[in-house]
Protein backbone atom coordinates (compact mmCIF):
# COMPACT_ATOMS: atom_id res chain seq x y z
CA MET A 1 -27.77 48.56 66.44
CA ALA A 2 -25.10 50.98 65.37
CA THR A 3 -21.88 51.66 67.26
CA VAL A 4 -21.17 55.26 68.10
CA PRO A 5 -17.43 55.95 67.91
CA GLY A 6 -15.88 56.52 71.28
CA ASP A 7 -18.88 55.41 73.40
CA GLY A 8 -17.26 52.02 74.26
CA THR A 9 -20.13 49.83 73.05
CA ASP A 10 -19.83 46.89 70.72
CA SER A 11 -22.81 46.06 68.50
CA LEU A 12 -22.12 42.29 68.51
CA VAL A 13 -21.94 42.15 72.30
CA SER A 14 -25.14 44.20 72.59
CA GLU A 15 -26.98 41.92 70.15
CA ARG A 16 -25.76 38.81 71.99
CA VAL A 17 -26.93 40.19 75.33
CA THR A 18 -30.30 41.05 73.81
CA ASN A 19 -30.71 37.56 72.31
CA ASN A 20 -29.78 35.91 75.62
CA GLU A 21 -32.25 38.11 77.48
CA ILE A 22 -34.98 37.20 74.98
CA ALA A 23 -34.21 33.49 75.43
CA GLY A 24 -34.35 33.88 79.20
CA ILE A 25 -30.67 33.08 79.71
CA THR A 26 -29.19 35.24 82.42
CA PRO A 27 -25.75 34.36 83.74
CA PRO A 28 -25.35 34.48 87.53
CA GLN A 29 -23.63 37.53 89.02
CA GLY A 30 -19.88 37.26 88.55
CA ALA A 31 -20.10 34.08 86.42
CA ARG A 32 -17.56 33.74 83.64
CA ALA A 33 -17.85 31.61 80.54
CA ASP A 34 -14.85 29.47 81.54
CA GLN A 35 -16.18 28.62 85.02
CA LYS A 36 -17.16 25.00 85.62
CA ARG A 37 -20.05 23.89 87.78
CA GLN A 38 -19.36 23.02 91.39
CA PRO A 39 -19.60 19.33 92.46
CA GLU A 40 -22.80 19.97 94.47
CA ASP A 41 -24.54 22.02 91.73
CA PRO A 42 -27.47 20.29 89.99
CA ILE A 43 -27.13 18.75 86.55
CA TYR A 44 -30.33 19.06 84.49
CA VAL A 45 -31.10 15.85 82.61
CA ASN A 46 -33.61 15.21 79.84
CA LEU A 47 -34.52 11.53 80.30
CA VAL A 48 -36.23 10.57 77.04
CA PRO A 49 -38.85 7.82 77.52
CA ALA A 50 -37.27 4.42 76.91
CA VAL A 51 -37.72 2.77 73.54
CA LEU A 52 -38.98 -0.78 74.15
CA ASP A 53 -38.70 -3.68 71.73
CA SER A 54 -41.94 -5.36 70.62
CA ARG A 55 -41.69 -8.32 73.01
CA ILE A 56 -41.28 -6.07 76.05
CA ARG A 57 -44.09 -3.76 74.90
CA GLN A 58 -46.45 -6.73 74.69
CA GLY A 59 -45.52 -8.11 78.11
CA GLU A 60 -45.13 -4.86 80.06
CA LYS A 61 -47.80 -4.49 82.73
CA PRO A 62 -48.71 -1.78 83.55
CA LYS A 63 -47.75 0.10 80.41
CA GLY A 64 -44.86 2.52 80.94
CA ALA A 65 -43.69 0.79 84.14
CA LEU A 66 -40.08 0.29 82.97
CA GLY A 67 -39.68 3.94 82.00
CA GLN A 68 -41.23 5.14 85.25
CA HIS A 69 -38.98 2.81 87.24
CA LEU A 70 -35.91 4.38 85.61
CA ARG A 71 -37.22 7.91 86.35
CA HIS A 72 -37.89 6.84 89.93
CA GLU A 73 -34.22 5.83 90.34
CA PHE A 74 -33.19 9.47 89.80
CA ALA A 75 -36.07 11.14 91.68
CA ALA A 76 -34.25 11.42 95.02
CA ASP A 77 -30.80 12.16 93.59
CA PRO A 78 -29.42 15.41 95.03
CA ILE A 79 -27.37 16.27 91.92
CA ILE A 80 -29.34 14.93 88.95
CA GLN A 81 -32.49 16.98 88.33
CA LEU A 82 -34.82 15.43 85.75
CA LEU A 83 -36.70 17.72 83.41
CA PRO A 84 -40.46 17.12 83.35
CA GLU A 85 -41.57 14.38 80.99
CA PRO A 86 -43.36 15.73 77.90
CA LYS A 87 -47.02 14.77 77.67
CA ASN A 88 -47.63 13.50 74.15
CA LYS A 89 -50.78 11.37 73.93
CA ILE A 90 -51.09 11.33 70.13
CA GLY A 91 -47.84 9.55 69.36
CA ARG A 92 -44.19 9.66 70.15
CA LYS A 93 -42.07 12.02 68.19
CA PRO A 94 -38.48 10.98 67.53
CA PRO A 95 -36.04 12.15 70.22
CA GLN A 96 -35.03 15.72 69.58
CA LEU A 97 -31.91 17.67 70.39
CA VAL A 98 -31.20 18.50 74.00
CA PRO A 99 -33.54 21.33 75.05
CA PRO A 100 -31.77 24.54 76.11
CA ALA A 101 -32.55 23.92 79.80
CA ALA A 102 -30.92 20.45 79.80
CA ASP A 103 -27.24 19.86 80.42
CA VAL A 104 -27.45 16.18 79.41
CA GLU A 105 -29.81 14.00 77.37
CA VAL A 106 -30.29 10.27 78.02
CA VAL A 107 -31.90 8.09 75.33
CA SER A 108 -32.39 4.50 76.42
CA THR A 109 -33.59 1.26 74.85
CA VAL A 110 -34.79 -1.92 76.50
CA SER A 111 -34.84 -5.27 74.73
CA LEU A 112 -34.91 -9.00 75.38
CA LYS A 113 -32.06 -11.24 74.22
CA GLU A 114 -31.70 -14.98 74.19
CA ILE A 115 -28.35 -16.05 75.59
CA LEU A 116 -26.76 -19.45 75.11
CA GLY A 117 -24.68 -20.77 77.96
CA VAL A 118 -23.70 -23.82 79.94
CA ARG A 119 -25.78 -24.90 82.91
CA GLY A 120 -23.49 -24.92 85.94
CA ALA A 121 -24.86 -28.02 87.68
CA THR A 122 -25.13 -30.31 84.67
CA GLY A 123 -22.66 -28.82 82.19
CA LYS A 124 -25.30 -29.05 79.45
CA PRO A 125 -25.99 -26.21 77.05
CA SER A 126 -28.93 -24.03 77.98
CA LYS A 127 -30.79 -21.05 76.63
CA THR A 128 -32.05 -18.22 78.85
CA VAL A 129 -33.80 -14.92 78.23
CA SER A 130 -32.00 -11.82 79.38
CA ILE A 131 -33.09 -8.19 79.57
CA LEU A 132 -30.75 -5.63 78.01
CA PHE A 133 -30.75 -1.93 78.92
CA GLU A 134 -28.72 0.42 76.69
CA ALA A 135 -28.39 4.21 76.83
CA THR A 136 -26.72 6.96 74.87
CA ILE A 137 -25.80 9.87 77.12
CA THR A 138 -25.02 13.10 75.30
CA SER A 139 -23.95 16.55 76.34
CA GLN A 140 -23.66 19.59 74.11
CA SER A 141 -21.39 21.59 76.40
CA PRO A 142 -18.86 20.04 76.42
CA PRO A 143 -19.66 17.95 73.34
CA ALA A 144 -19.57 14.37 74.58
CA SER A 145 -21.38 11.09 73.98
CA TYR A 146 -21.21 7.93 76.07
CA LEU A 147 -22.79 4.49 75.69
CA VAL A 148 -23.70 2.36 78.70
CA SER A 149 -25.43 -1.02 78.91
CA GLU A 150 -26.47 -3.52 81.53
CA SER A 151 -28.01 -6.96 81.15
CA GLY A 152 -29.21 -9.73 83.39
CA PRO A 153 -31.94 -12.34 83.86
CA VAL A 154 -35.36 -11.04 82.85
CA LEU A 155 -36.83 -12.10 86.19
CA GLN A 156 -34.38 -9.78 87.95
CA HIS A 157 -35.23 -6.74 85.82
CA ARG A 158 -35.52 -4.41 88.84
CA ALA A 159 -31.99 -5.19 90.04
CA VAL A 160 -30.67 -4.88 86.48
CA SER A 161 -32.38 -1.50 86.01
CA LYS A 162 -30.91 -0.27 89.34
CA ARG A 163 -27.40 -1.16 88.14
CA PHE A 164 -28.18 0.49 84.79
CA ALA A 165 -29.35 3.69 86.51
CA GLN A 166 -26.16 3.70 88.61
CA GLN A 167 -24.05 3.46 85.43
CA ILE A 168 -25.94 6.41 83.92
CA ARG A 169 -25.48 8.42 87.12
CA ASP A 170 -21.74 7.64 87.22
CA VAL A 171 -21.24 8.87 83.65
CA ILE A 172 -23.29 12.04 84.20
CA VAL A 173 -21.77 13.00 87.56
CA ASP A 174 -18.18 11.77 87.17
CA LYS A 175 -17.41 12.18 83.45
CA ILE A 176 -19.71 14.89 82.08
CA GLY A 177 -20.47 16.89 85.25
CA PRO A 178 -17.01 18.32 85.95
CA GLU A 179 -16.84 19.82 82.44
CA ILE A 180 -20.30 21.43 82.39
CA PRO A 181 -20.08 25.24 82.48
CA ALA A 182 -21.54 27.06 85.48
CA ARG A 183 -25.04 28.46 85.09
């Protein structure tokens, strides 16, 4: 696209507008690039299916229950809007970059750990199995990355995953959310 002298158009701006229109990105009326999202505006999150260690994969019944439980924790949240889960029956592809529609990407892992401790009643050493949830929360605008983790007794995995989901929500809403540009 050529610029005609004196017509007030800029070829770079015109190309940028055209590329944004092609990609389906249309800024809201009156929105500026430096505007931040409002506290009640939704934050679009790509929750990548959790990566499970081999011992959890073998013992998980029904299959996919831990990942669905984590998605369920965010289902009723008024601010966090989960992107639909990709349907890939053939095999899992490695996590990809945040899709253009997502403000934040959450990649989580779940594993079992053996913890050595002292039994409170007897004072003798004991070994217990604990479940460990870890997540990397990334945002491209603004560029940020956070790590969160939560662990607890394997028999209390639902309570542990609730606390884990709350940690993820706190990071997304309180730390990343105020810096996300308005849509």
